[in-house]
Structure formats: structure tokens, C-alpha cells
Amino acid sequence: MGLMDKVKEQAAAAASVAKDVAQKGQAKVDELQARRAADGVLRDLGLTVYLTKVGRGSPSAESDIAGYVETIREYENEHGPIQPD
């Protein structure tokens, strides 16, 4: 095996490692973005429930709550149960 063949093999191995690292990094970013979105939905859910309980809820509060709960269920189906921090 010549020197150029060894260089090509090492370059291919390095490219494979770099691709793997990039994929893992992207997966982390995607998970973080999904968690932030879920946190926003949970905040909206809590605010809507609070406003309803203190008599300042909107006429669409019940359907809004149902929508938020469904969104959180979908998140949990994909990412697992939400755990309190």
C-alpha cells in the first residue's frame, strides 16, 4: 500500500468521524429546540389555567387548554415523559 493510499484512508476515516460528530451535535440542537418549544407550551398552558381559575379566562380557554395538552402529549410520545426540574 502506497503512501497516498494511507493518506486517503486516514482522510476518509477523519471525514467519517467528523460526520458522526456533526450528526450528534445536530441531534442535541434538535432536542434542545424541542424542549424549549415544550417549555413554551407548558407556560402557555399554565397561564391559561391560571387566568381561567381567577375569572379572567378567554371564551376559548377550554379549547386552548385541550390544544396545549395534546401538543404536550405529542412531545412526550416523541421525546419521553416530561420530568420536573
C-alpha atoms as a PDB file:
ATOM      1  CA  MET A   1       0.000   0.000   0.000  1.00  0.00           C
ATOM      2  CA  GLY A   2       1.464   3.296  -1.036  1.00  0.00           C
ATOM      3  CA  LEU A   3       1.701   6.483   0.951  1.00  0.00           C
ATOM      4  CA  MET A   4      -1.156   8.096  -0.989  1.00  0.00           C
ATOM      5  CA  ASP A   5      -3.435   5.135  -0.219  1.00  0.00           C
ATOM      6  CA  LYS A   6      -2.717   5.503   3.503  1.00  0.00           C
ATOM      7  CA  VAL A   7      -3.380   9.250   3.332  1.00  0.00           C
ATOM      8  CA  LYS A   8      -6.695   8.623   1.543  1.00  0.00           C
ATOM      9  CA  GLU A   9      -7.737   6.052   4.159  1.00  0.00           C
ATOM     10  CA  GLN A  10      -6.910   8.411   7.009  1.00  0.00           C
ATOM     11  CA  ALA A  11      -8.776  11.245   5.313  1.00  0.00           C
ATOM     12  CA  ALA A  12     -11.816   9.032   4.812  1.00  0.00           C
ATOM     13  CA  ALA A  13     -11.702   7.928   8.459  1.00  0.00           C
ATOM     14  CA  ALA A  14     -11.407  11.536   9.636  1.00  0.00           C
ATOM     15  CA  ALA A  15     -14.320  12.563   7.424  1.00  0.00           C
ATOM     16  CA  SER A  16     -16.431   9.746   8.861  1.00  0.00           C
ATOM     17  CA  VAL A  17     -15.660  10.802  12.422  1.00  0.00           C
ATOM     18  CA  ALA A  18     -16.422  14.434  11.610  1.00  0.00           C
ATOM     19  CA  LYS A  19     -19.749  13.460  10.043  1.00  0.00           C
ATOM     20  CA  ASP A  20     -20.681  11.398  13.115  1.00  0.00           C
ATOM     21  CA  VAL A  21     -19.827  14.268  15.457  1.00  0.00           C
ATOM     22  CA  ALA A  22     -21.852  16.694  13.329  1.00  0.00           C
ATOM     23  CA  GLN A  23     -24.880  14.380  13.379  1.00  0.00           C
ATOM     24  CA  LYS A  24     -24.693  14.008  17.157  1.00  0.00           C
ATOM     25  CA  GLY A  25     -24.371  17.769  17.550  1.00  0.00           C
ATOM     26  CA  GLN A  26     -27.389  18.369  15.327  1.00  0.00           C
ATOM     27  CA  ALA A  27     -29.411  15.836  17.316  1.00  0.00           C
ATOM     28  CA  LYS A  28     -28.574  17.733  20.527  1.00  0.00           C
ATOM     29  CA  VAL A  29     -29.617  21.030  18.937  1.00  0.00           C
ATOM     30  CA  ASP A  30     -32.882  19.497  17.719  1.00  0.00           C
ATOM     31  CA  GLU A  31     -33.615  18.089  21.186  1.00  0.00           C
ATOM     32  CA  LEU A  32     -32.907  21.451  22.816  1.00  0.00           C
ATOM     33  CA  GLN A  33     -35.199  23.245  20.383  1.00  0.00           C
ATOM     34  CA  ALA A  34     -37.981  20.712  21.014  1.00  0.00           C
ATOM     35  CA  ARG A  35     -37.585  21.113  24.777  1.00  0.00           C
ATOM     36  CA  ARG A  36     -37.737  24.903  24.533  1.00  0.00           C
ATOM     37  CA  ALA A  37     -40.894  24.645  22.443  1.00  0.00           C
ATOM     38  CA  ALA A  38     -42.449  22.303  25.017  1.00  0.00           C
ATOM     39  CA  ASP A  39     -41.460  24.697  27.811  1.00  0.00           C
ATOM     40  CA  GLY A  40     -43.266  27.481  25.963  1.00  0.00           C
ATOM     41  CA  VAL A  41     -46.394  25.371  25.583  1.00  0.00           C
ATOM     42  CA  LEU A  42     -46.290  24.469  29.275  1.00  0.00           C
ATOM     43  CA  ARG A  43     -46.005  28.149  30.170  1.00  0.00           C
ATOM     44  CA  ASP A  44     -48.980  28.996  27.947  1.00  0.00           C
ATOM     45  CA  LEU A  45     -50.950  26.119  29.457  1.00  0.00           C
ATOM     46  CA  GLY A  46     -50.213  27.274  32.993  1.00  0.00           C
ATOM     47  CA  LEU A  47     -51.084  30.877  32.200  1.00  0.00           C
ATOM     48  CA  THR A  48     -54.363  29.884  30.549  1.00  0.00           C
ATOM     49  CA  VAL A  49     -55.346  27.675  33.505  1.00  0.00           C
ATOM     50  CA  TYR A  50     -54.424  30.430  35.965  1.00  0.00           C
ATOM     51  CA  LEU A  51     -56.405  33.095  34.120  1.00  0.00           C
ATOM     52  CA  THR A  52     -59.394  30.748  33.939  1.00  0.00           C
ATOM     53  CA  LYS A  53     -59.222  29.996  37.675  1.00  0.00           C
ATOM     54  CA  VAL A  54     -59.121  33.691  38.629  1.00  0.00           C
ATOM     55  CA  GLY A  55     -62.031  34.555  36.343  1.00  0.00           C
ATOM     56  CA  ARG A  56     -60.069  36.257  33.548  1.00  0.00           C
ATOM     57  CA  GLY A  57     -60.067  33.393  31.062  1.00  0.00           C
ATOM     58  CA  SER A  58     -60.981  33.899  27.440  1.00  0.00           C
ATOM     59  CA  PRO A  59     -64.035  32.281  25.869  1.00  0.00           C
ATOM     60  CA  SER A  60     -61.715  29.892  24.031  1.00  0.00           C
ATOM     61  CA  ALA A  61     -59.769  28.885  27.164  1.00  0.00           C
ATOM     62  CA  GLU A  62     -61.076  25.313  27.350  1.00  0.00           C
ATOM     63  CA  SER A  63     -60.245  24.564  23.716  1.00  0.00           C
ATOM     64  CA  ASP A  64     -56.859  26.290  24.139  1.00  0.00           C
ATOM     65  CA  ILE A  65     -56.116  24.073  27.148  1.00  0.00           C
ATOM     66  CA  ALA A  66     -57.082  20.957  25.204  1.00  0.00           C
ATOM     67  CA  GLY A  67     -54.772  22.008  22.375  1.00  0.00           C
ATOM     68  CA  TYR A  68     -51.863  22.625  24.740  1.00  0.00           C
ATOM     69  CA  VAL A  69     -52.374  19.245  26.422  1.00  0.00           C
ATOM     70  CA  GLU A  70     -52.423  17.499  23.041  1.00  0.00           C
ATOM     71  CA  THR A  71     -49.216  19.265  21.995  1.00  0.00           C
ATOM     72  CA  ILE A  72     -47.506  18.134  25.204  1.00  0.00           C
ATOM     73  CA  ARG A  73     -48.746  14.557  24.678  1.00  0.00           C
ATOM     74  CA  GLU A  74     -47.227  14.574  21.189  1.00  0.00           C
ATOM     75  CA  TYR A  75     -43.948  15.869  22.604  1.00  0.00           C
ATOM     76  CA  GLU A  76     -43.902  13.131  25.243  1.00  0.00           C
ATOM     77  CA  ASN A  77     -44.661  10.450  22.652  1.00  0.00           C
ATOM     78  CA  GLU A  78     -41.629  11.542  20.669  1.00  0.00           C
ATOM     79  CA  HIS A  79     -39.187  12.565  23.435  1.00  0.00           C
ATOM     80  CA  GLY A  80     -40.366  10.740  26.535  1.00  0.00           C
ATOM     81  CA  PRO A  81     -42.117  11.969  29.677  1.00  0.00           C
ATOM     82  CA  ILE A  82     -41.506  15.489  30.876  1.00  0.00           C
ATOM     83  CA  GLN A  83     -39.736  15.485  34.222  1.00  0.00           C
ATOM     84  CA  PRO A  84     -39.936  18.316  36.740  1.00  0.00           C
ATOM     85  CA  ASP A  85     -36.614  20.128  37.109  1.00  0.00           C
END
